[in-house]
Every structure is written in C-alpha cells, then in structure tokens.
Amino acid sequence: MIDLRAPAIRLSSALAFAHAIGGRWHKHIAHSGTLSQIVARSSSTVTLTRPPTMTRPSTFGTGLLLSAVLSCGGDTTAPPTTGTLEISIVTTGTDIDADGFVLGIDNDFPRGIGANATLTFSLPPGTHTLALSGLAFNCDVTTASSSANVSLGLTTRVDVRAACTPYLSNAIIFTSGQFGLPEVMAMRPDGSRRERLTTDQAAYSAPVVSPDGQSIAVASYAEGYWNGIYLLDRFGKARTKIVSNSNGVGSPAWSPDGTKLAFVGILHGPYGDYGRIFIANRDGTGLRQVSPEVAATDYQFDSSPSWAPDGTRLAFERSAVLYLINADGSGLISTGVIGENPAWSPDGTQIAYATIGGGADGLFVMDGTFTSRRLTTPVQADRMAQWSPNGTQLVFERVESNVSHIYKVGLDGSGVTKLSTVSQYDASPSWTRTF
C-alpha cells in the first residue's frame, strides 16, 4: 500500500517511479497535477496487482506519468523583477586616497568603494540617483553621472573617473581653534574642503609647507612656552622636533630651495626677553644667529622672517620697523617703513606687510624703493599676509569682533573674499606652491 499523502515527487523521483509502474504494473494514471494530487483524485488507497500474463515491460505508463509531471510546472524559474547596476571607479594621479570614496544611491545605501574598484547593485527598474562623496582633500571627480537608468533583467554600467593631485599642492594651510587648542588645517584656495591635519591638541602656530611639498614646519606650544620648531609630514603626522629653545621659538620660514629654515628665537636680556632671527638646516643642524645684537642699553625685538625668492636675503620686523638683511647676517638695511609680518612676493619685486596701530591698520605692499600702497581697509585689523604661488593674490588674517578669520584679496585690492566657514578663530595662513 502507498501513502498518498506524501508531497509532490521531484521530476527525477517521478521518472523512476513511473518506470517502475510502466515496466512492472498495468495500472495506468491519466490525470493532470502533481503525482500525489493525481493519485489522490482516484482514492485514498490504491491496490496495484501484477498482470497475469506479461511478456515484456510496458512503457505506456512511463510516458503518461512523465506527461503529467511536466504539465504541472516543470519550469519553475520566476521572471526577473530587478536589474543590475554596475559602477566602476578609476582614479589616477598622485597621493590617491587608499580609503576610496562613499557611494550613495537614491540618497540611501551609502557604501564605501575603493579608489579603483567596481560595485554591483540589484535594483528595481527605473531611474536612480547617484552621489559620490568622501573625496580626499586633493581628489576630484572628473567624469560621473548623477543618475542611471536600470532596465529589467539587464546590467547597466556606469563609469566614474577621479583624479588626485599631490597633497597640499596649491592649498592654504593654517591653524584653527575649531577643535579646541589650535590644530594645523588645510583648505582649498576657495575655502572649500577644510581638512584637519593634526589631532593631538599640541597647540600649533604658523605652519608652512616646504617647497617640495613633503613637510610642514610649525611651532608648538608645550610646558608653558613655544618650545620648538617641529616637522610634520604632508599629512600632519610623524612629528619631529628639529629646533629646541628653552626660551621659545616661532615663525618658521622655508628657504626657497627647502634646505633651511629661518625662525625667531627668544633670548634673555637685561631688559627682558627679546627675539632674534636664526637659521638652521632642515634637520636642525647648523644653527646660527642672523640678525645682529644691539647696544646693551638698547632693546630691539626681531620677528617674522621672510626669504627673498633667490634665497640671498631676508625681510623681517625689528620693533615695528621693516628691515632687510643678507642670509649670512651682513648688510642690515632699514626700510624706514612701519609695519609687521613682511612677506616677499614670488617674483621678488614687492613685499606685503601689515601696518600697526594709529587707526591705519591694514595690508600694504611696498616696492623696491620702499614706496607703499594700501590693499585693504580692515574692520578691526588685517595681518599675516602671504602670497599666492602666482603672485596675483594674498591670503591673510582679518580680525572681526576680536576673532580672526581667513580672507584673500587681489593684488589690486579687489575681490576681498572670506574663506573661513566656522565661528571659531582661524589664523596664520600660508599659501603653498603648486607641486
């Protein structure tokens, strides 16, 4: 006796069973449906008997049952309900971000994707929006679609192209109180892509990028004073002290060939601490004083060194007057110009500076004859000007309501543009070369 309550028999089992019936028994089934349904329609039980006279196996039952099995749904493949979206990203250039990008579809499903990688998605047919984010500071998408049309059962391919430039090339580097104590940060010349480079809350000041773009020189505050000049790599890591001074140091400036640093070192004197200009090799060796001492009865404070583009001279501030001096310490010249924070132009023909007090605070530029012209009229004070690589603009600090923010201005005084986008202070900007 056969239990007819069993589930439908799979095709392979059905064939075997049909062969047994067709080859050995003479009871034929001529119903449609699954095998269990077919038999169930006849009776709750079926008795099968061997025919009294059989000389050869019969195949009639096999064909009949196979027909019944196939007629009840042998092809069970469901029709497709989605299509495939394949997104391929190729990134070229220098300093490619190993973390890649973030891909969003229909403002949802954010997923990380490598800088050179392919992702596939199963999506319902129709138009889907695409968004690529998480771009590194130095990378841009050059080719991309904002949407893709997915077709039922088909694959739609979208190619994305991105390009990266050397990190910190043609960038503005500065310090900011956005995260507490001043950290080293960078942004693009239009103020976009603010990037935090340091995270150690070591209190930094006056960061400047080396001419080759590989290092950042910066002063750091520790143990109650500005205790050293440090080198960071171009990503703000690998901090190394190259100059130490128990009295304090600051305002580092790279020589044009990147082999030396000029900076301010603090010394003790009979009238209190005072600053002098020093030069050291990139690794901290060869330390020597450049700006000369004065009479014991005099007091002068030197600060803010800036190299001439040919590397032979320095401009600096001595007690609010701008001076020039040869890099070997000879040829000290007073320009007679009252100002601070001098910055030599890339072509060596002009020096930008800030005026001090007297209600005339602002940015000025003087030529080789020490003749000056005004660039800005500040709200409270403009200072710390530094040149763009091509010499057509300056980036600077503007103090408003006692908080400094970063601006830029054209060489003719036009196009004053605020670059800072946070309420906390931004300070000490410098504009890197294009590497």
Protein backbone atom coordinates (compact mmCIF):
# COMPACT_ATOMS: atom_id res chain seq x y z
CA MET A 1 0.00 0.00 0.00
CA ILE A 2 1.26 3.51 -0.88
CA ASP A 3 0.75 6.55 1.34
CA LEU A 4 -0.91 9.08 -0.96
CA ARG A 5 -0.49 11.99 1.46
CA ALA A 6 3.17 12.41 0.55
CA PRO A 7 4.26 15.68 -1.07
CA ALA A 8 4.80 16.04 -4.81
CA ILE A 9 7.63 13.87 -6.09
CA ARG A 10 10.54 15.65 -7.80
CA LEU A 11 10.98 15.02 -11.52
CA SER A 12 13.87 12.57 -11.11
CA SER A 13 11.96 10.60 -8.47
CA ALA A 14 8.82 10.74 -10.60
CA LEU A 15 10.62 9.27 -13.58
CA ALA A 16 12.00 6.44 -11.52
CA PHE A 17 8.57 5.76 -10.06
CA ALA A 18 6.91 6.00 -13.47
CA HIS A 19 9.40 3.49 -14.87
CA ALA A 20 8.54 1.08 -12.12
CA ILE A 21 4.86 1.45 -12.82
CA GLY A 22 5.23 1.22 -16.62
CA GLY A 23 7.66 -1.66 -16.52
CA ARG A 24 6.05 -3.87 -13.90
CA TRP A 25 2.41 -2.86 -13.36
CA HIS A 26 -0.62 -2.41 -15.58
CA LYS A 27 -2.50 0.22 -13.53
CA HIS A 28 -2.41 3.45 -15.68
CA ILE A 29 -2.94 7.01 -14.44
CA ALA A 30 -4.39 9.67 -16.77
CA HIS A 31 -4.79 12.76 -14.59
CA SER A 32 -3.02 16.09 -14.51
CA GLY A 33 -1.42 17.61 -11.43
CA THR A 34 1.36 16.53 -9.09
CA LEU A 35 1.80 12.86 -8.55
CA SER A 36 0.28 12.99 -5.09
CA GLN A 37 -2.68 15.02 -6.47
CA ILE A 38 -3.15 12.59 -9.36
CA VAL A 39 -3.44 9.59 -7.11
CA ALA A 40 -5.43 11.43 -4.51
CA ARG A 41 -8.16 12.17 -7.02
CA SER A 42 -8.68 8.39 -7.52
CA SER A 43 -8.88 7.09 -3.98
CA SER A 44 -7.35 7.32 -0.59
CA THR A 45 -5.61 3.99 -1.32
CA VAL A 46 -4.71 2.16 -4.48
CA THR A 47 -4.03 -1.55 -4.78
CA LEU A 48 -1.63 -2.47 -7.52
CA THR A 49 -1.63 -6.06 -8.92
CA ARG A 50 0.79 -7.78 -11.25
CA PRO A 51 -0.86 -8.71 -14.59
CA PRO A 52 -1.25 -12.46 -15.04
CA THR A 53 0.35 -12.50 -18.45
CA MET A 54 3.24 -10.10 -19.20
CA THR A 55 5.89 -10.97 -21.69
CA ARG A 56 7.74 -7.58 -21.94
CA PRO A 57 7.85 -4.37 -19.98
CA SER A 58 5.35 -1.71 -21.00
CA THR A 59 6.42 1.94 -21.39
CA PHE A 60 2.94 3.37 -21.80
CA GLY A 61 2.66 4.28 -18.10
CA THR A 62 6.06 5.96 -18.13
CA GLY A 63 5.13 8.36 -20.91
CA LEU A 64 1.75 9.10 -19.39
CA LEU A 65 3.16 9.90 -15.97
CA LEU A 66 6.05 11.96 -17.36
CA SER A 67 3.49 13.98 -19.30
CA ALA A 68 1.54 14.54 -16.12
CA VAL A 69 4.64 15.59 -14.18
CA LEU A 70 5.82 18.07 -16.82
CA SER A 71 2.34 19.56 -17.21
CA CYS A 72 2.30 20.55 -13.55
CA GLY A 73 5.16 23.07 -13.65
CA GLY A 74 8.50 21.55 -14.50
CA ASP A 75 9.92 25.07 -15.35
CA THR A 76 9.80 26.93 -12.02
CA THR A 77 12.10 29.89 -12.96
CA ALA A 78 10.49 33.15 -11.78
CA PRO A 79 10.64 36.12 -14.15
CA PRO A 80 13.16 38.83 -13.12
CA THR A 81 11.91 41.75 -11.01
CA THR A 82 15.15 43.77 -10.88
CA GLY A 83 18.08 44.90 -12.99
CA THR A 84 21.77 45.21 -12.18
CA LEU A 85 23.67 48.46 -11.74
CA GLU A 86 27.44 48.13 -12.07
CA ILE A 87 29.54 51.11 -11.01
CA SER A 88 33.26 51.14 -11.83
CA ILE A 89 35.64 53.81 -10.48
CA VAL A 90 39.10 54.54 -11.88
CA THR A 91 41.31 57.06 -10.04
CA THR A 92 44.54 58.46 -11.42
CA GLY A 93 47.17 60.92 -10.20
CA THR A 94 49.30 61.32 -7.08
CA ASP A 95 48.58 60.67 -3.39
CA ILE A 96 45.47 58.64 -4.18
CA ASP A 97 43.39 58.12 -1.06
CA ALA A 98 43.55 54.46 -0.05
CA ASP A 99 40.17 54.81 1.69
CA GLY A 100 38.45 55.50 -1.62
CA PHE A 101 35.03 57.13 -1.72
CA VAL A 102 31.46 56.77 -0.43
CA LEU A 103 28.78 55.91 -2.97
CA GLY A 104 25.11 56.71 -2.35
CA ILE A 105 22.15 55.57 -4.45
CA ASP A 106 18.78 57.31 -4.16
CA ASN A 107 20.03 59.11 -1.05
CA ASP A 108 20.33 55.74 0.63
CA PHE A 109 22.56 52.68 0.73
CA PRO A 110 25.86 54.53 1.36
CA ARG A 111 28.70 52.13 0.72
CA GLY A 112 32.45 52.52 0.63
CA ILE A 113 34.10 51.91 -2.70
CA GLY A 114 37.82 51.76 -3.39
CA ALA A 115 39.61 54.35 -5.49
CA ASN A 116 39.90 51.72 -8.21
CA ALA A 117 37.07 49.26 -7.76
CA THR A 118 33.69 48.02 -9.04
CA LEU A 119 30.43 47.57 -7.14
CA THR A 120 27.20 45.93 -8.34
CA PHE A 121 23.69 46.55 -7.05
CA SER A 122 20.39 44.74 -7.69
CA LEU A 123 17.79 47.48 -8.12
CA PRO A 124 14.20 47.81 -9.34
CA PRO A 125 13.88 49.10 -12.88
CA GLY A 126 13.77 52.87 -13.32
CA THR A 127 15.98 55.92 -12.86
CA HIS A 128 18.20 56.02 -9.75
CA THR A 129 20.18 58.99 -8.45
CA LEU A 130 23.90 58.58 -7.77
CA ALA A 131 26.12 60.58 -5.41
CA LEU A 132 29.83 60.21 -4.72
CA SER A 133 31.21 61.70 -1.50
CA GLY A 134 34.11 61.21 0.88
CA LEU A 135 36.57 62.74 -1.58
CA ALA A 136 40.04 63.31 -0.20
CA PHE A 137 41.30 66.88 0.08
CA ASN A 138 43.36 66.53 -3.10
CA CYS A 139 40.98 64.49 -5.26
CA ASP A 140 38.17 65.45 -7.65
CA VAL A 141 35.67 63.54 -9.74
CA THR A 142 36.29 64.31 -13.40
CA THR A 143 33.64 62.09 -15.01
CA ALA A 144 30.44 60.89 -13.38
CA SER A 145 26.70 60.59 -13.89
CA SER A 146 24.19 61.93 -11.40
CA SER A 147 21.70 59.18 -12.30
CA ALA A 148 21.43 55.81 -14.02
CA ASN A 149 18.51 54.06 -15.73
CA VAL A 150 18.19 50.41 -14.72
CA SER A 151 16.31 48.04 -17.06
CA LEU A 152 14.53 44.86 -16.04
CA GLY A 153 16.80 41.84 -16.21
CA LEU A 154 19.69 43.80 -17.73
CA THR A 155 23.00 45.25 -16.50
CA THR A 156 23.60 49.00 -16.64
CA ARG A 157 27.23 50.07 -16.37
CA VAL A 158 28.33 53.46 -15.06
CA ASP A 159 31.96 54.56 -15.30
CA VAL A 160 33.34 57.13 -12.84
CA ARG A 161 36.70 58.84 -13.21
CA ALA A 162 38.59 60.70 -10.47
CA ALA A 163 41.96 62.43 -10.38
CA CYS A 164 44.23 63.34 -7.44
CA THR A 165 46.99 65.94 -7.24
CA PRO A 166 49.94 65.97 -4.82
CA TYR A 167 48.66 66.52 -1.31
CA LEU A 168 48.73 70.19 -0.20
CA SER A 169 49.58 71.42 -3.70
CA ASN A 170 48.21 74.97 -4.17
CA ALA A 171 46.49 74.83 -0.78
CA ILE A 172 46.03 77.21 2.14
CA ILE A 173 47.42 75.86 5.38
CA PHE A 174 46.57 77.48 8.71
CA THR A 175 45.74 76.89 12.36
CA SER A 176 42.25 76.81 13.81
CA GLY A 177 40.51 76.69 17.16
CA GLN A 178 37.65 74.72 15.66
CA PHE A 179 38.53 71.65 17.73
CA GLY A 180 39.90 73.29 20.88
CA LEU A 181 43.59 74.19 21.02
CA PRO A 182 44.95 75.34 17.65
CA GLU A 183 45.38 72.48 15.20
CA VAL A 184 47.01 72.51 11.77
CA MET A 185 44.43 72.52 8.98
CA ALA A 186 44.26 72.98 5.23
CA MET A 187 41.68 74.14 2.72
CA ARG A 188 41.47 74.89 -0.95
CA PRO A 189 42.00 78.45 -2.22
CA ASP A 190 38.24 78.93 -2.47
CA GLY A 191 37.72 77.93 1.18
CA SER A 192 36.30 74.50 0.42
CA ARG A 193 37.46 71.09 1.64
CA ARG A 194 38.56 72.13 5.14
CA GLU A 195 40.81 69.31 6.29
CA ARG A 196 42.12 68.70 9.80
CA LEU A 197 45.74 67.57 9.62
CA THR A 198 46.71 67.29 13.30
CA THR A 199 44.59 65.80 16.06
CA ASP A 200 46.95 65.78 19.07
CA GLN A 201 45.90 69.15 20.58
CA ALA A 202 49.56 70.15 20.82
CA ALA A 203 48.77 73.86 20.20
CA TYR A 204 50.40 74.83 16.90
CA SER A 205 51.27 78.15 15.27
CA ALA A 206 52.46 79.46 11.89
CA PRO A 207 52.55 76.25 9.79
CA VAL A 208 54.38 76.46 6.45
CA VAL A 209 54.81 73.78 3.78
CA SER A 210 58.25 73.02 2.35
CA PRO A 211 58.92 73.90 -1.31
CA ASP A 212 58.86 70.21 -2.26
CA GLY A 213 55.50 69.72 -0.52
CA GLN A 214 56.72 66.88 1.67
CA SER A 215 56.99 68.55 5.10
CA ILE A 216 55.24 71.09 7.31
CA ALA A 217 57.34 73.27 9.62
CA VAL A 218 55.41 74.59 12.60
CA ALA A 219 55.91 75.97 16.10
CA SER A 220 54.33 74.12 19.00
CA TYR A 221 53.39 75.23 22.50
CA ALA A 222 54.26 72.91 25.39
CA GLU A 223 55.24 73.19 29.04
CA GLY A 224 54.12 76.79 29.16
CA TYR A 225 56.03 78.20 26.17
CA TRP A 226 56.67 77.78 22.44
CA ASN A 227 59.34 75.18 22.99
CA GLY A 228 60.37 74.12 19.49
CA ILE A 229 60.14 74.07 15.73
CA TYR A 230 58.74 70.77 14.52
CA LEU A 231 58.50 69.00 11.21
CA LEU A 232 55.35 67.08 10.26
CA ASP A 233 54.86 65.09 7.10
CA ARG A 234 52.49 66.47 4.49
CA PHE A 235 49.55 64.69 6.14
CA GLY A 236 50.23 66.28 9.54
CA LYS A 237 51.77 63.13 11.06
CA ALA A 238 55.27 61.93 12.04
CA ARG A 239 56.02 64.88 14.34
CA THR A 240 59.76 65.51 14.84
CA LYS A 241 61.39 68.35 16.79
CA ILE A 242 64.28 69.91 14.88
CA VAL A 243 64.95 73.05 16.96
CA SER A 244 64.57 73.40 20.70
CA ASN A 245 64.86 76.57 22.73
CA SER A 246 64.10 76.77 26.42
CA ASN A 247 63.18 80.43 25.95
CA GLY A 248 60.86 79.93 22.99
CA VAL A 249 60.86 79.86 19.17
CA GLY A 250 58.37 80.61 16.41
CA SER A 251 57.55 81.93 12.92
CA PRO A 252 59.37 79.31 10.78
CA ALA A 253 60.06 80.20 7.12
CA TRP A 254 61.46 77.86 4.47
CA SER A 255 64.34 78.88 2.24
CA PRO A 256 63.35 78.75 -1.44
CA ASP A 257 65.40 75.58 -2.02
CA GLY A 258 63.89 73.87 1.03
CA THR A 259 67.25 73.14 2.70
CA LYS A 260 66.99 75.65 5.55
CA LEU A 261 64.54 77.26 7.94
CA ALA A 262 64.63 80.79 9.29
CA PHE A 263 62.76 81.42 12.55
CA VAL A 264 62.56 83.60 15.64
CA GLY A 265 64.49 82.51 18.72
CA ILE A 266 63.92 84.11 22.13
CA LEU A 267 66.91 85.21 24.22
CA HIS A 268 67.26 86.67 27.71
CA GLY A 269 68.49 90.25 28.08
CA PRO A 270 68.84 92.96 30.72
CA TYR A 271 65.51 94.45 29.69
CA GLY A 272 63.66 91.17 29.38
CA ASP A 273 63.28 88.53 26.68
CA TYR A 274 63.86 89.56 23.09
CA GLY A 275 63.74 87.94 19.67
CA ARG A 276 66.42 87.40 17.05
CA ILE A 277 66.34 85.77 13.62
CA PHE A 278 68.09 82.40 13.36
CA ILE A 279 68.69 79.94 10.51
CA ALA A 280 69.10 76.16 10.77
CA ASN A 281 69.37 73.35 8.28
CA ARG A 282 66.28 71.30 7.55
CA ASP A 283 67.38 68.64 10.04
CA GLY A 284 68.12 71.21 12.78
CA THR A 285 71.89 71.25 12.36
CA GLY A 286 73.96 74.32 11.53
CA LEU A 287 72.08 76.66 13.84
CA ARG A 288 73.27 80.26 13.65
CA GLN A 289 72.01 83.73 14.54
CA VAL A 290 71.38 86.08 11.60
CA SER A 291 70.01 89.38 12.94
CA PRO A 292 72.67 91.26 14.93
CA GLU A 293 72.70 92.29 18.54
CA VAL A 294 72.29 95.93 19.57
CA ALA A 295 73.90 98.07 22.26
CA ALA A 296 73.42 96.82 25.78
CA THR A 297 71.41 99.91 26.58
CA ASP A 298 69.08 99.33 23.61
CA TYR A 299 66.17 96.95 23.26
CA GLN A 300 65.03 95.57 19.89
CA PHE A 301 62.74 92.65 19.19
CA ASP A 302 63.10 90.83 15.85
CA SER A 303 60.34 88.65 14.36
CA SER A 304 58.55 87.40 11.22
CA PRO A 305 61.37 86.41 8.81
CA SER A 306 60.58 86.06 5.09
CA TRP A 307 63.02 84.82 2.43
CA ALA A 308 63.65 86.60 -0.86
CA PRO A 309 62.84 84.28 -3.78
CA ASP A 310 66.53 83.95 -4.69
CA GLY A 311 67.42 82.85 -1.14
CA THR A 312 70.06 85.55 -0.60
CA ARG A 313 68.19 87.90 1.74
CA LEU A 314 65.56 88.03 4.44
CA ALA A 315 62.96 90.63 5.32
CA PHE A 316 61.95 90.84 8.97
CA GLU A 317 60.40 93.12 11.53
CA ARG A 318 62.55 94.84 14.15
CA SER A 319 60.42 96.55 16.78
CA ALA A 320 57.71 97.52 14.27
CA VAL A 321 60.08 98.64 11.50
CA LEU A 322 60.75 96.53 8.40
CA TYR A 323 64.39 95.54 7.76
CA LEU A 324 66.30 93.62 5.11
CA ILE A 325 69.40 91.52 5.76
CA ASN A 326 71.60 89.12 3.83
CA ALA A 327 71.22 85.44 4.71
CA ASP A 328 74.77 85.41 6.10
CA GLY A 329 73.91 88.18 8.56
CA SER A 330 75.57 91.04 6.69
CA GLY A 331 74.07 94.09 5.01
CA LEU A 332 71.39 95.08 7.51
CA ILE A 333 69.11 97.76 5.98
CA SER A 334 66.18 99.61 7.50
CA THR A 335 63.40 100.34 5.03
CA GLY A 336 62.01 103.01 7.32
CA VAL A 337 58.55 101.51 6.80
CA ILE A 338 56.42 100.95 9.89
CA GLY A 339 54.88 97.52 9.73
CA GLU A 340 54.87 93.85 10.72
CA ASN A 341 54.73 90.40 9.14
CA PRO A 342 56.59 91.14 5.89
CA ALA A 343 56.13 88.67 3.02
CA TRP A 344 58.26 88.75 -0.12
CA SER A 345 56.39 88.31 -3.42
CA PRO A 346 57.20 85.27 -5.61
CA ASP A 347 58.89 87.49 -8.21
CA GLY A 348 60.89 89.39 -5.59
CA THR A 349 59.69 92.84 -6.62
CA GLN A 350 57.32 93.59 -3.73
CA ILE A 351 56.88 93.00 -0.01
CA ALA A 352 53.43 92.78 1.55
CA TYR A 353 53.04 93.77 5.20
CA ALA A 354 50.54 94.93 7.80
CA THR A 355 50.54 98.34 9.43
CA ILE A 356 50.44 98.72 13.17
CA GLY A 357 48.15 100.99 15.19
CA GLY A 358 47.27 104.60 14.55
CA GLY A 359 43.91 103.72 13.05
CA ALA A 360 45.53 102.75 9.75
CA ASP A 361 45.75 99.01 10.33
CA GLY A 362 45.52 97.16 7.04
CA LEU A 363 47.53 95.44 4.35
CA PHE A 364 50.03 97.33 2.22
CA VAL A 365 52.53 96.44 -0.49
CA MET A 366 55.86 98.21 -0.98
CA ASP A 367 58.18 98.05 -3.97
CA GLY A 368 61.96 98.02 -4.18
CA THR A 369 62.12 101.74 -3.40
CA PHE A 370 60.11 101.17 -0.21
CA THR A 371 57.14 103.06 -1.66
CA SER A 372 53.90 101.64 -0.28
CA ARG A 373 50.30 101.39 -1.42
CA ARG A 374 47.25 100.22 0.51
CA LEU A 375 45.48 96.95 -0.29
CA THR A 376 42.80 96.65 2.41
CA THR A 377 40.84 98.73 4.88
CA PRO A 378 40.05 96.40 7.73
CA VAL A 379 37.07 96.15 10.05
CA GLN A 380 39.37 95.79 13.04
CA ALA A 381 42.76 94.60 11.79
CA ASP A 382 44.24 92.80 8.80
CA ARG A 383 47.56 90.99 9.20
CA MET A 384 49.72 87.92 8.41
CA ALA A 385 49.51 88.29 4.61
CA GLN A 386 51.06 85.58 2.41
CA TRP A 387 51.26 85.40 -1.38
CA SER A 388 49.56 83.00 -3.77
CA PRO A 389 52.00 80.93 -5.87
CA ASN A 390 51.43 83.10 -8.96
CA GLY A 391 51.67 86.39 -7.06
CA THR A 392 48.23 87.68 -8.02
CA GLN A 393 46.52 87.30 -4.63
CA LEU A 394 47.26 87.32 -0.91
CA VAL A 395 45.70 85.30 1.87
CA PHE A 396 45.52 87.00 5.27
CA GLU A 397 44.04 87.13 8.74
CA ARG A 398 41.19 89.56 9.37
CA VAL A 399 40.16 90.32 12.95
CA GLU A 400 36.44 90.93 13.41
CA SER A 401 34.84 91.25 16.85
CA ASN A 402 38.17 90.10 18.30
CA VAL A 403 38.07 86.84 16.34
CA SER A 404 40.42 86.22 13.42
CA HIS A 405 39.21 84.66 10.19
CA ILE A 406 40.96 83.98 6.90
CA TYR A 407 40.37 86.10 3.80
CA LYS A 408 42.01 86.58 0.44
CA VAL A 409 42.42 89.69 -1.73
CA GLY A 410 43.64 90.52 -5.22
CA LEU A 411 46.90 92.34 -5.74
CA ASP A 412 44.98 95.46 -6.75
CA GLY A 413 42.92 95.35 -3.55
CA SER A 414 39.80 93.94 -5.21
CA GLY A 415 38.00 90.68 -4.59
CA VAL A 416 38.19 90.59 -0.79
CA THR A 417 36.71 87.18 -0.01
CA LYS A 418 36.13 85.42 3.29
CA LEU A 419 37.40 81.83 3.28
CA SER A 420 36.73 80.80 6.88
CA THR A 421 33.43 78.99 7.37
CA VAL A 422 33.40 78.39 11.14
CA SER A 423 32.74 80.69 14.07
CA GLN A 424 35.97 79.73 15.86
CA TYR A 425 39.19 81.51 15.01
CA ASP A 426 41.37 80.66 12.01
CA ALA A 427 44.89 82.10 11.99
CA SER A 428 48.42 82.09 10.49
CA PRO A 429 47.55 81.28 6.87
CA SER A 430 50.11 80.48 4.18
CA TRP A 431 49.59 79.53 0.53
CA THR A 432 51.53 76.53 -0.74
CA ARG A 433 53.23 76.16 -4.08
CA THR A 434 51.86 74.07 -6.91
CA PHE A 435 53.90 70.86 -6.78
